[in-house]
Amino acid sequence: MLCYNTRMSLESSVSVGAPLTLDAVVRVARHHAPVQLDAAARKKITASRAWVEQIVARGEPITYGINTGFGVFANVQVSGAQARDLMRKLILSHAVGVGPALPEEVVRATMLIRANALAQGFSGVRVEVVETLLEMLNRGVHPVIPAKGSVGASGDLAPLSHLALVLSTDEKDDDAESGAAIFQGERLSGKTAMARAAIPRLILQAKEGLALNNGTAVSTALTLLADADARNLIAHSALATALTVEAVRGAANAFDARIHDAARHRGQQEIAAQIRAWLQGSQLVDKAQRVQDAYSIRCAPQVAGAALDALRYATARLEEEINAATDNPLIFVQAEGENGVALSGGNFHGESVAMSAALLAIAVAEIGSISERRTFRLLDGKLNDGLPMMLVERGGLNSGLMMAHVTAAALVSENKTLAHPDVLDSIPTSANQEDHVPMAANAARHLREIVWNVEYILAIELVAAAQALDLRLRNEGKGSEMLGQGTRAAFARLRADVPYLAEDRVMDRDLDAAAALIHAAALLDGVQ
């Protein structure tokens, strides 16, 4: 059965360099779970760093990003004496992000994912670089990272450079070139924030600036958090469907396990099972004696189930990405400082993240699209099995939920634009050296907006279904005992925050309250 885990353990620390899970990232990002560096990872980091230092000392072999320039300047050699200056200039020149700052939870997820990538031991950084990122997480120093400016390859260069500005410095230690960070609720320069948190800033050595900004951490963080929210929305779509089925006295046979077993789709089977569980014991289903309902009700398991299967694919790719070494070049050594080789490749290319974000965007948008259709049926007196038009008494004097549905329609329409696959829109950069890019960060930001929209689309359906059930129960002359065991608990919880609409009132606060209940997964306790 489909479940949404609302009771994650927040006390246990998250080990960086050991296998990282999506739930662990969510715990650190949203609940400030503490982090620590895995002991085995420390040894791997030290071994690769020792080899990098040998390359710097010898000046050979010529290795990208260690003793050369970047991008179109990959063939320009740089001496070991210039390594510090090279790294500092890299971060300064690449910190060109624009737009509003990323939310705190995204910044925290980004820092954790980047630290875990470096802790794989293929990046050639000092242990101090990883430990500084972890101390920033543990002490609550959150760099201000502009949301826009990444094409997703060579990773999220611009936003990650804004992160690197805060943790790094140079001999001048210029406050104006330290970026900005939020510490204890106050926006400060990076230099001031780190000083107040008592975290020393680092002068980056050879390879370290490149390792910090050459990866997919921002795109992955955005997509991963949206993935967690998408799982929650899919669970709520099953609940909303169940409440709507009861409100219109719909036909239960559409959710019979035999139908969904015949389809063979795992997600579809699980959604149908969840709806059956919500409806168990209901005295309202099948009372209209219809043979079948409209597609938006009858085919809800097929649509939400396909979304659930898509989510599983995206989740698997994201769990691979958060445990990957995603910068370039990668350092491979057999022992500390020995038998090393630097291999240039393209693990910084965010294609997998961009495709996952595109798939999730389509899946979540479809959850919203079918929900809006159910809301439409609930409000239409010709389609809702005899309930008042717009679900309000004294219609005409009152408009009821008319405009709530209009808002849902507007959000669904916006999602159709946002769900266009950004991954298909490559624009070559860096003098055509970077001639195919995935636009992963754009895809992830658009996905996050779709998730927000669908949270409200489902909130509108839940408010409409609750209103319809109140009217239905009054017609029956009975109370909520007629509802299913699961829907009864969810209905009571929703009504605690969103009262019955006896006459027109300002409704935005009702939608906000319902959306907050969805976001907190507070309605899902009826059936687990």
Protein backbone atom coordinates (compact mmCIF):
# COMPACT_ATOMS: atom_id res chain seq x y z
CA MET A 1 0.00 0.00 0.00
CA LEU A 2 1.18 3.52 -0.78
CA CYS A 3 2.43 5.30 2.34
CA TYR A 4 4.02 8.66 2.99
CA ASN A 5 6.59 8.63 5.77
CA THR A 6 5.77 11.54 8.07
CA ARG A 7 7.74 10.31 11.06
CA MET A 8 11.38 10.31 10.00
CA SER A 9 13.95 10.06 12.79
CA LEU A 10 15.48 13.50 13.18
CA GLU A 11 17.90 12.81 16.00
CA SER A 12 20.40 10.47 14.32
CA SER A 13 23.22 12.13 12.44
CA VAL A 14 23.75 11.72 8.71
CA SER A 15 27.07 10.25 7.66
CA VAL A 16 28.67 11.93 4.65
CA GLY A 17 30.76 9.72 2.39
CA ALA A 18 28.67 6.65 3.25
CA PRO A 19 25.65 5.80 1.05
CA LEU A 20 23.24 8.72 1.28
CA THR A 21 19.46 8.34 0.94
CA LEU A 22 16.84 10.82 -0.20
CA ASP A 23 15.21 10.70 3.23
CA ALA A 24 18.55 11.61 4.82
CA VAL A 25 18.87 14.65 2.56
CA VAL A 26 15.34 15.74 3.49
CA ARG A 27 16.16 15.34 7.19
CA VAL A 28 19.21 17.59 6.85
CA ALA A 29 17.54 20.09 4.53
CA ARG A 30 14.23 20.53 6.34
CA HIS A 31 14.82 19.33 9.88
CA HIS A 32 18.49 20.29 10.46
CA ALA A 33 19.64 16.77 11.27
CA PRO A 34 23.36 16.86 12.23
CA VAL A 35 26.01 15.67 9.77
CA GLN A 36 29.43 14.06 10.17
CA LEU A 37 32.17 12.76 7.87
CA ASP A 38 32.47 8.99 7.50
CA ALA A 39 35.87 7.68 8.66
CA ALA A 40 36.41 5.56 5.54
CA ALA A 41 35.63 8.55 3.34
CA ARG A 42 38.26 10.61 5.15
CA LYS A 43 40.94 8.11 4.08
CA LYS A 44 39.83 8.19 0.43
CA ILE A 45 39.80 12.00 0.38
CA THR A 46 43.32 12.12 1.84
CA ALA A 47 44.69 9.63 -0.71
CA SER A 48 43.41 11.53 -3.75
CA ARG A 49 44.59 14.85 -2.30
CA ALA A 50 48.11 13.57 -1.84
CA TRP A 51 48.33 12.71 -5.55
CA VAL A 52 47.07 16.18 -6.56
CA GLU A 53 49.78 17.79 -4.44
CA GLN A 54 52.41 15.69 -6.20
CA ILE A 55 51.15 16.91 -9.57
CA VAL A 56 51.35 20.51 -8.39
CA ALA A 57 54.88 20.03 -7.06
CA ARG A 58 56.18 18.32 -10.23
CA GLY A 59 54.23 20.47 -12.71
CA GLU A 60 53.36 17.37 -14.70
CA PRO A 61 51.51 15.68 -16.20
CA ILE A 62 49.36 18.42 -17.68
CA THR A 63 46.02 17.90 -15.94
CA TYR A 64 42.86 19.87 -16.59
CA GLY A 65 41.90 22.22 -13.80
CA ILE A 66 45.06 21.52 -11.79
CA ASN A 67 47.67 23.16 -13.98
CA THR A 68 45.50 24.45 -16.83
CA GLY A 69 42.76 27.02 -17.33
CA PHE A 70 39.08 26.14 -17.66
CA GLY A 71 36.58 25.60 -20.45
CA VAL A 72 37.81 27.20 -23.64
CA PHE A 73 41.13 27.88 -21.82
CA ALA A 74 41.74 24.18 -21.11
CA ASN A 75 44.93 24.21 -23.19
CA VAL A 76 46.47 27.18 -21.36
CA GLN A 77 49.03 25.95 -18.82
CA VAL A 78 49.17 27.44 -15.32
CA SER A 79 52.13 27.00 -12.96
CA GLY A 80 51.86 25.43 -9.54
CA ALA A 81 52.74 28.79 -8.00
CA GLN A 82 49.58 30.21 -9.53
CA ALA A 83 47.26 27.47 -8.24
CA ARG A 84 45.75 29.50 -5.40
CA ASP A 85 45.20 32.50 -7.64
CA LEU A 86 43.66 30.24 -10.30
CA MET A 87 41.14 28.79 -7.86
CA ARG A 88 40.21 32.18 -6.42
CA LYS A 89 39.71 33.71 -9.84
CA LEU A 90 37.60 30.74 -10.88
CA ILE A 91 35.17 31.29 -8.01
CA LEU A 92 35.08 35.08 -8.39
CA SER A 93 34.52 34.97 -12.16
CA HIS A 94 31.83 32.27 -11.99
CA ALA A 95 29.70 33.83 -9.21
CA VAL A 96 27.32 35.47 -11.69
CA GLY A 97 23.97 34.06 -10.61
CA VAL A 98 20.92 36.31 -10.70
CA GLY A 99 17.39 36.36 -9.37
CA PRO A 100 15.85 35.59 -5.98
CA ALA A 101 17.81 33.56 -3.47
CA LEU A 102 17.18 29.83 -3.25
CA PRO A 103 15.19 28.78 -0.14
CA GLU A 104 17.11 27.65 2.91
CA GLU A 105 16.11 24.00 2.49
CA VAL A 106 17.48 23.96 -1.06
CA VAL A 107 20.76 25.54 0.07
CA ARG A 108 21.13 22.98 2.86
CA ALA A 109 20.42 20.09 0.50
CA THR A 110 22.91 21.55 -1.97
CA MET A 111 25.67 21.77 0.64
CA LEU A 112 25.06 18.19 1.78
CA ILE A 113 25.00 16.78 -1.76
CA ARG A 114 28.18 18.65 -2.72
CA ALA A 115 29.95 17.49 0.44
CA ASN A 116 28.93 13.90 -0.28
CA ALA A 117 30.22 14.14 -3.84
CA LEU A 118 33.61 15.38 -2.62
CA ALA A 119 33.66 12.68 0.07
CA GLN A 120 33.64 9.95 -2.59
CA GLY A 121 37.40 10.51 -2.79
CA PHE A 122 37.66 11.26 -6.51
CA SER A 123 37.86 15.07 -6.36
CA GLY A 124 41.35 15.69 -4.98
CA VAL A 125 40.33 18.18 -2.29
CA ARG A 126 41.60 18.44 1.27
CA VAL A 127 39.51 16.96 4.06
CA GLU A 128 39.13 20.53 5.40
CA VAL A 129 36.96 21.49 2.42
CA VAL A 130 34.39 18.79 3.20
CA GLU A 131 34.54 19.46 6.92
CA THR A 132 33.93 23.17 6.37
CA LEU A 133 30.75 22.41 4.41
CA LEU A 134 29.58 20.12 7.20
CA GLU A 135 30.32 22.67 9.91
CA MET A 136 28.32 25.26 7.97
CA LEU A 137 25.38 22.85 7.97
CA ASN A 138 25.70 21.99 11.65
CA ARG A 139 26.04 25.63 12.75
CA GLY A 140 23.43 27.05 10.36
CA VAL A 141 25.47 29.20 7.96
CA HIS A 142 23.43 29.30 4.75
CA PRO A 143 25.00 30.98 1.72
CA VAL A 144 22.76 33.25 -0.34
CA ILE A 145 22.61 31.53 -3.73
CA PRO A 146 20.79 33.23 -6.62
CA ALA A 147 18.32 30.83 -8.23
CA LYS A 148 19.12 31.53 -11.89
CA GLY A 149 22.24 31.21 -14.01
CA SER A 150 22.96 27.50 -14.40
CA VAL A 151 22.63 25.51 -17.61
CA GLY A 152 23.32 22.25 -15.79
CA ALA A 153 26.79 21.59 -17.33
CA SER A 154 29.59 21.88 -16.33
CA GLY A 155 27.31 21.41 -13.42
CA ASP A 156 25.70 24.31 -11.58
CA LEU A 157 28.73 26.57 -11.94
CA ALA A 158 27.25 29.95 -11.10
CA PRO A 159 25.14 29.02 -8.06
CA LEU A 160 27.83 26.77 -6.60
CA SER A 161 30.36 29.58 -6.97
CA HIS A 162 28.17 31.76 -4.75
CA LEU A 163 28.33 28.93 -2.18
CA ALA A 164 32.11 28.73 -2.54
CA LEU A 165 32.49 32.50 -2.02
CA VAL A 166 31.27 32.13 1.55
CA LEU A 167 33.55 29.30 2.63
CA SER A 168 36.70 30.51 0.81
CA THR A 169 38.92 33.58 0.89
CA ASP A 170 42.36 34.86 -0.18
CA GLU A 171 45.19 36.90 1.30
CA LYS A 172 43.22 40.15 0.82
CA ASP A 173 40.20 38.73 2.70
CA ASP A 174 37.95 41.37 1.12
CA ASP A 175 34.53 41.45 2.78
CA ALA A 176 32.89 42.56 -0.48
CA GLU A 177 34.14 39.41 -2.22
CA SER A 178 32.94 36.96 0.42
CA GLY A 179 29.41 36.57 -0.88
CA ALA A 180 26.45 36.66 1.48
CA ALA A 181 24.95 34.24 3.98
CA ILE A 182 22.04 33.94 6.38
CA PHE A 183 23.11 33.21 9.95
CA GLN A 184 20.65 33.16 12.86
CA GLY A 185 18.02 34.85 10.72
CA GLU A 186 20.24 37.76 9.62
CA ARG A 187 21.69 38.39 6.17
CA LEU A 188 25.41 39.09 6.49
CA SER A 189 28.49 39.08 4.33
CA GLY A 190 29.97 35.61 4.04
CA LYS A 191 33.01 36.74 5.97
CA THR A 192 30.93 38.05 8.87
CA ALA A 193 28.60 35.03 8.95
CA MET A 194 31.48 32.57 9.08
CA ALA A 195 33.24 34.60 11.77
CA ARG A 196 30.13 34.69 13.95
CA ALA A 197 29.74 30.94 13.54
CA ALA A 198 33.45 30.51 14.38
CA ILE A 199 34.18 28.60 11.17
CA PRO A 200 37.53 29.43 9.52
CA ARG A 201 37.32 30.25 5.82
CA LEU A 202 39.70 28.44 3.49
CA ILE A 203 42.24 29.61 0.95
CA LEU A 204 41.47 27.17 -1.84
CA GLN A 205 44.34 25.08 -3.14
CA ALA A 206 44.83 23.41 -6.53
CA LYS A 207 41.72 21.66 -7.88
CA GLU A 208 39.50 22.69 -4.94
CA GLY A 209 37.63 25.58 -6.54
CA LEU A 210 36.84 23.43 -9.55
CA ALA A 211 35.69 20.59 -7.31
CA LEU A 212 33.35 22.92 -5.43
CA ASN A 213 31.56 24.47 -8.39
CA ASN A 214 31.77 21.71 -11.00
CA GLY A 215 28.78 19.52 -10.11
CA THR A 216 25.02 19.03 -10.16
CA ALA A 217 24.26 19.71 -6.49
CA VAL A 218 21.83 22.62 -6.97
CA SER A 219 19.79 20.95 -9.70
CA THR A 220 19.76 17.72 -7.73
CA ALA A 221 18.74 19.44 -4.48
CA LEU A 222 15.81 21.19 -6.14
CA THR A 223 14.65 18.02 -7.87
CA LEU A 224 15.12 15.81 -4.82
CA LEU A 225 13.01 18.02 -2.55
CA ALA A 226 10.34 18.24 -5.25
CA ASP A 227 10.48 14.44 -5.51
CA ALA A 228 9.72 14.15 -1.78
CA ASP A 229 6.81 16.56 -2.13
CA ALA A 230 5.55 14.73 -5.24
CA ARG A 231 5.33 11.49 -3.29
CA ASN A 232 3.18 13.30 -0.74
CA LEU A 233 0.96 14.79 -3.44
CA ILE A 234 0.36 11.41 -5.05
CA ALA A 235 -0.76 10.03 -1.69
CA HIS A 236 -3.12 12.98 -1.26
CA SER A 237 -4.53 12.49 -4.74
CA ALA A 238 -5.76 9.06 -3.60
CA LEU A 239 -7.39 10.67 -0.57
CA ALA A 240 -9.01 13.43 -2.63
CA THR A 241 -10.35 10.84 -5.06
CA ALA A 242 -11.87 8.82 -2.23
CA LEU A 243 -13.61 11.87 -0.75
CA THR A 244 -14.92 12.89 -4.17
CA VAL A 245 -16.21 9.35 -4.83
CA GLU A 246 -18.22 9.52 -1.62
CA ALA A 247 -19.45 13.03 -2.35
CA VAL A 248 -20.92 12.01 -5.71
CA ARG A 249 -21.94 8.54 -4.44
CA GLY A 250 -19.72 7.01 -7.07
CA ALA A 251 -19.28 3.43 -8.24
CA ALA A 252 -16.79 1.44 -6.20
CA ASN A 253 -16.24 -1.28 -8.80
CA ALA A 254 -13.71 0.92 -10.63
CA PHE A 255 -11.30 0.29 -7.73
CA ASP A 256 -11.76 -3.48 -7.54
CA ALA A 257 -8.37 -5.18 -7.18
CA ARG A 258 -9.14 -7.61 -10.00
CA ILE A 259 -9.27 -4.76 -12.52
CA HIS A 260 -5.91 -3.36 -11.46
CA ASP A 261 -4.21 -6.72 -11.17
CA ALA A 262 -5.21 -7.31 -14.78
CA ALA A 263 -3.48 -4.06 -15.77
CA ARG A 264 -0.20 -5.25 -14.17
CA HIS A 265 1.03 -1.71 -13.36
CA ARG A 266 2.39 -1.61 -9.81
CA GLY A 267 1.61 2.06 -9.18
CA GLN A 268 -1.96 1.67 -10.42
CA GLN A 269 -2.49 -1.33 -8.14
CA GLU A 270 -1.20 0.58 -5.11
CA ILE A 271 -3.31 3.68 -5.74
CA ALA A 272 -6.46 1.59 -6.16
CA ALA A 273 -5.65 -0.27 -2.95
CA GLN A 274 -5.17 3.04 -1.13
CA ILE A 275 -8.53 4.34 -2.36
CA ARG A 276 -10.23 1.12 -1.29
CA ALA A 277 -8.66 1.47 2.14
CA TRP A 278 -9.83 5.06 2.51
CA LEU A 279 -13.38 4.01 1.51
CA GLN A 280 -13.64 0.90 3.66
CA GLY A 281 -17.00 0.90 5.44
CA SER A 282 -18.47 3.79 3.44
CA GLN A 283 -22.27 3.90 3.22
CA LEU A 284 -22.25 6.47 0.39
CA VAL A 285 -20.45 4.67 -2.43
CA ASP A 286 -22.68 2.97 -5.00
CA LYS A 287 -25.83 4.66 -3.66
CA ALA A 288 -26.38 6.50 -6.95
CA GLN A 289 -26.47 3.08 -8.65
CA ARG A 290 -24.48 4.26 -11.64
CA VAL A 291 -22.73 1.59 -13.69
CA GLN A 292 -19.64 3.78 -14.06
CA ASP A 293 -18.34 7.27 -13.37
CA ALA A 294 -16.49 9.78 -15.53
CA TYR A 295 -12.82 9.20 -16.29
CA SER A 296 -11.59 11.73 -13.74
CA ILE A 297 -12.98 9.43 -11.04
CA ARG A 298 -12.96 6.00 -12.64
CA CYS A 299 -9.44 6.31 -14.08
CA ALA A 300 -7.84 8.00 -11.07
CA PRO A 301 -5.74 4.90 -10.23
CA GLN A 302 -4.48 4.69 -13.79
CA VAL A 303 -3.37 8.33 -13.80
CA ALA A 304 -2.00 8.61 -10.26
CA GLY A 305 -0.49 5.13 -10.57
CA ALA A 306 1.45 6.14 -13.68
CA ALA A 307 2.68 9.18 -11.75
CA LEU A 308 3.79 6.92 -8.91
CA ASP A 309 5.72 4.68 -11.29
CA ALA A 310 7.37 7.74 -12.83
CA LEU A 311 8.29 8.94 -9.37
CA ARG A 312 9.96 5.62 -8.59
CA TYR A 313 12.13 5.95 -11.70
CA ALA A 314 13.11 9.53 -10.80
CA THR A 315 13.82 8.59 -7.18
CA ALA A 316 16.21 5.84 -8.26
CA ARG A 317 18.12 8.21 -10.54
CA LEU A 318 18.33 10.86 -7.84
CA GLU A 319 19.64 8.40 -5.26
CA GLU A 320 22.37 7.50 -7.74
CA GLU A 321 23.16 11.17 -8.32
CA ILE A 322 23.50 12.13 -4.65
CA ASN A 323 26.07 9.37 -4.21
CA ALA A 324 28.02 10.17 -7.35
CA ALA A 325 31.31 11.94 -7.98
CA THR A 326 30.12 14.70 -10.30
CA ASP A 327 33.07 17.03 -10.93
CA ASN A 328 35.91 16.92 -13.47
CA PRO A 329 38.56 15.65 -13.74
CA LEU A 330 38.21 12.70 -11.37
CA ILE A 331 41.27 11.43 -9.48
CA PHE A 332 41.80 7.67 -9.20
CA VAL A 333 44.55 6.39 -6.88
CA GLN A 334 45.40 2.92 -5.58
CA ALA A 335 47.05 4.16 -2.38
CA GLU A 336 47.82 7.51 -0.78
CA GLY A 337 49.56 9.58 -3.44
CA GLU A 338 50.52 6.54 -5.53
CA ASN A 339 49.66 5.21 -8.97
CA GLY A 340 47.27 8.03 -9.60
CA VAL A 341 45.56 9.17 -12.75
CA ALA A 342 43.27 12.11 -13.52
CA LEU A 343 40.56 11.33 -16.05
CA SER A 344 38.57 14.06 -17.77
CA GLY A 345 34.96 13.17 -18.41
CA GLY A 346 31.48 14.60 -18.02
CA ASN A 347 29.88 13.49 -14.75
CA PHE A 348 29.02 17.15 -14.15
CA HIS A 349 26.46 16.92 -17.00
CA GLY A 350 23.01 17.05 -15.40
CA GLU A 351 21.14 15.10 -18.09
CA SER A 352 19.92 12.43 -15.69
CA VAL A 353 18.66 15.05 -13.24
CA ALA A 354 17.05 17.09 -16.01
CA MET A 355 15.25 14.07 -17.44
CA SER A 356 14.08 13.06 -13.97
CA ALA A 357 12.79 16.59 -13.34
CA ALA A 358 10.99 16.57 -16.70
CA LEU A 359 9.35 13.23 -15.95
CA LEU A 360 8.30 14.37 -12.48
CA ALA A 361 6.95 17.63 -13.91
CA ILE A 362 4.68 15.73 -16.29
CA ALA A 363 3.61 13.30 -13.58
CA VAL A 364 2.77 15.95 -10.99
CA ALA A 365 1.06 18.19 -13.56
CA GLU A 366 -1.20 15.27 -14.48
CA ILE A 367 -2.11 14.79 -10.81
CA GLY A 368 -3.27 18.42 -10.81
CA SER A 369 -5.03 18.17 -14.15
CA ILE A 370 -7.26 15.25 -13.16
CA SER A 371 -7.93 16.81 -9.73
CA GLU A 372 -9.25 19.99 -11.38
CA ARG A 373 -11.66 17.87 -13.43
CA ARG A 374 -13.04 16.25 -10.28
CA THR A 375 -13.48 19.67 -8.68
CA PHE A 376 -15.38 20.81 -11.78
CA ARG A 377 -17.77 17.84 -11.46
CA LEU A 378 -18.31 18.49 -7.75
CA LEU A 379 -19.42 22.06 -8.47
CA ASP A 380 -21.72 21.38 -11.42
CA GLY A 381 -25.28 20.64 -10.25
CA LYS A 382 -25.85 18.52 -13.37
CA LEU A 383 -22.84 16.29 -12.65
CA ASN A 384 -22.61 16.03 -8.85
CA ASP A 385 -25.62 13.75 -8.20
CA GLY A 386 -28.08 16.35 -7.01
CA LEU A 387 -25.98 18.70 -4.91
CA PRO A 388 -26.41 22.50 -5.24
CA MET A 389 -24.65 24.35 -8.03
CA MET A 390 -21.25 25.61 -6.79
CA LEU A 391 -21.87 23.65 -3.57
CA VAL A 392 -23.55 26.51 -1.77
CA GLU A 393 -27.04 27.10 -0.41
CA ARG A 394 -28.95 30.13 -1.70
CA GLY A 395 -26.93 30.17 -4.91
CA GLY A 396 -27.14 33.51 -6.72
CA LEU A 397 -26.95 35.42 -3.49
CA ASN A 398 -23.88 33.27 -2.78
CA SER A 399 -21.24 32.26 -5.34
CA GLY A 400 -19.85 29.40 -3.28
CA LEU A 401 -16.76 27.68 -4.68
CA MET A 402 -17.08 29.14 -8.17
CA MET A 403 -13.87 31.15 -8.02
CA ALA A 404 -11.93 28.49 -6.15
CA HIS A 405 -12.39 26.34 -9.24
CA VAL A 406 -11.25 29.22 -11.45
CA THR A 407 -8.03 29.38 -9.43
CA ALA A 408 -7.52 25.64 -9.93
CA ALA A 409 -8.03 26.07 -13.68
CA ALA A 410 -5.45 28.88 -13.77
CA LEU A 411 -2.89 26.74 -11.94
CA VAL A 412 -3.48 23.76 -14.23
CA SER A 413 -3.01 25.96 -17.27
CA GLU A 414 0.27 27.33 -15.90
CA ASN A 415 1.50 23.80 -15.27
CA LYS A 416 1.03 22.93 -18.93
CA THR A 417 3.61 25.57 -19.80
CA LEU A 418 5.96 24.77 -16.92
CA ALA A 419 5.97 21.05 -17.77
CA HIS A 420 7.59 21.60 -21.17
CA PRO A 421 10.84 19.57 -20.97
CA ASP A 422 13.68 22.05 -20.38
CA VAL A 423 16.11 19.24 -21.14
CA LEU A 424 15.26 19.58 -24.85
CA ASP A 425 16.52 23.18 -24.97
CA SER A 426 20.31 23.11 -25.26
CA ILE A 427 22.18 26.37 -25.91
CA PRO A 428 25.94 25.97 -26.53
CA THR A 429 28.22 28.00 -24.23
CA SER A 430 31.95 28.64 -23.61
CA ALA A 431 32.94 29.18 -27.25
CA ASN A 432 31.21 25.90 -28.20
CA GLN A 433 33.36 23.83 -25.83
CA GLU A 434 30.20 23.17 -23.86
CA ASP A 435 28.06 22.51 -26.91
CA HIS A 436 25.30 20.44 -25.30
CA VAL A 437 23.79 21.36 -21.95
CA PRO A 438 20.69 19.94 -20.19
CA MET A 439 19.22 23.02 -18.49
CA ALA A 440 18.81 20.87 -15.36
CA ALA A 441 18.47 23.79 -12.93
CA ASN A 442 15.70 25.37 -15.01
CA ALA A 443 13.90 22.02 -15.17
CA ALA A 444 14.19 21.62 -11.41
CA ARG A 445 12.95 25.14 -10.64
CA HIS A 446 9.95 24.67 -12.93
CA LEU A 447 9.19 21.32 -11.30
CA ARG A 448 9.23 22.97 -7.89
CA GLU A 449 6.68 25.54 -9.10
CA ILE A 450 4.45 22.78 -10.48
CA VAL A 451 4.57 21.00 -7.13
CA TRP A 452 3.48 24.20 -5.38
CA ASN A 453 0.62 24.67 -7.85
CA VAL A 454 -0.62 21.11 -7.44
CA GLU A 455 -0.56 21.42 -3.67
CA TYR A 456 -3.19 24.14 -4.06
CA ILE A 457 -5.10 22.33 -6.81
CA LEU A 458 -5.51 19.33 -4.49
CA ALA A 459 -6.34 21.67 -1.60
CA ILE A 460 -9.21 23.09 -3.68
CA GLU A 461 -10.54 19.60 -4.44
CA LEU A 462 -10.35 18.64 -0.77
CA VAL A 463 -12.22 21.78 0.29
CA ALA A 464 -14.84 21.16 -2.41
CA ALA A 465 -15.21 17.48 -1.47
CA ALA A 466 -15.61 18.34 2.22
CA GLN A 467 -18.26 20.93 1.34
CA ALA A 468 -20.06 18.40 -0.86
CA LEU A 469 -19.95 15.77 1.88
CA ASP A 470 -21.44 18.15 4.42
CA LEU A 471 -24.30 18.87 2.03
CA ARG A 472 -24.69 15.17 1.20
CA LEU A 473 -24.81 14.11 4.84
CA ARG A 474 -27.44 16.76 5.54
CA ASN A 475 -29.51 15.38 2.68
CA GLU A 476 -29.15 11.89 4.15
CA GLY A 477 -30.05 13.17 7.60
CA LYS A 478 -27.00 11.47 9.07
CA GLY A 479 -23.49 12.33 10.23
CA SER A 480 -19.95 11.39 9.29
CA GLU A 481 -20.51 7.79 10.38
CA MET A 482 -21.61 7.23 6.78
CA LEU A 483 -18.07 7.89 5.55
CA GLY A 484 -15.34 5.32 5.16
CA GLN A 485 -13.02 4.70 8.06
CA GLY A 486 -10.16 6.54 6.40
CA THR A 487 -12.12 9.35 4.80
CA ARG A 488 -13.97 9.99 8.06
CA ALA A 489 -10.70 10.71 9.90
CA ALA A 490 -9.39 12.91 7.07
CA PHE A 491 -12.71 14.77 6.84
CA ALA A 492 -12.68 15.50 10.58
CA ARG A 493 -9.06 16.74 10.44
CA LEU A 494 -9.81 18.99 7.47
CA ARG A 495 -12.91 20.40 9.14
CA ALA A 496 -10.84 21.31 12.23
CA ASP A 497 -9.04 23.91 10.10
CA VAL A 498 -11.50 24.61 7.26
CA PRO A 499 -15.10 25.12 8.44
CA TYR A 500 -18.23 24.51 6.39
CA LEU A 501 -19.12 27.30 3.95
CA ALA A 502 -22.62 28.36 5.02
CA GLU A 503 -22.38 31.58 2.99
CA ASP A 504 -19.74 33.46 1.04
CA ARG A 505 -16.59 34.50 2.89
CA VAL A 506 -12.99 35.23 2.01
CA MET A 507 -11.69 31.78 1.03
CA ASP A 508 -7.98 32.25 0.44
CA ARG A 509 -7.28 31.43 4.09
CA ASP A 510 -9.27 28.19 3.69
CA LEU A 511 -7.13 27.19 0.72
CA ASP A 512 -3.97 28.13 2.60
CA ALA A 513 -5.07 25.99 5.55
CA ALA A 514 -5.88 23.00 3.35
CA ALA A 515 -2.59 23.35 1.46
CA ALA A 516 -0.71 23.49 4.78
CA LEU A 517 -2.38 20.26 5.89
CA ILE A 518 -1.32 18.62 2.63
CA HIS A 519 2.25 19.87 2.92
CA ALA A 520 2.53 18.53 6.47
CA ALA A 521 0.86 15.23 5.45
CA ALA A 522 -1.52 15.82 8.36
CA LEU A 523 -4.50 14.23 6.61
CA LEU A 524 -2.87 10.87 5.93
CA ASP A 525 -3.04 9.42 9.42
CA GLY A 526 -6.45 7.85 8.79
CA VAL A 527 -4.94 5.04 6.72
CA GLN A 528 -1.29 3.96 6.66
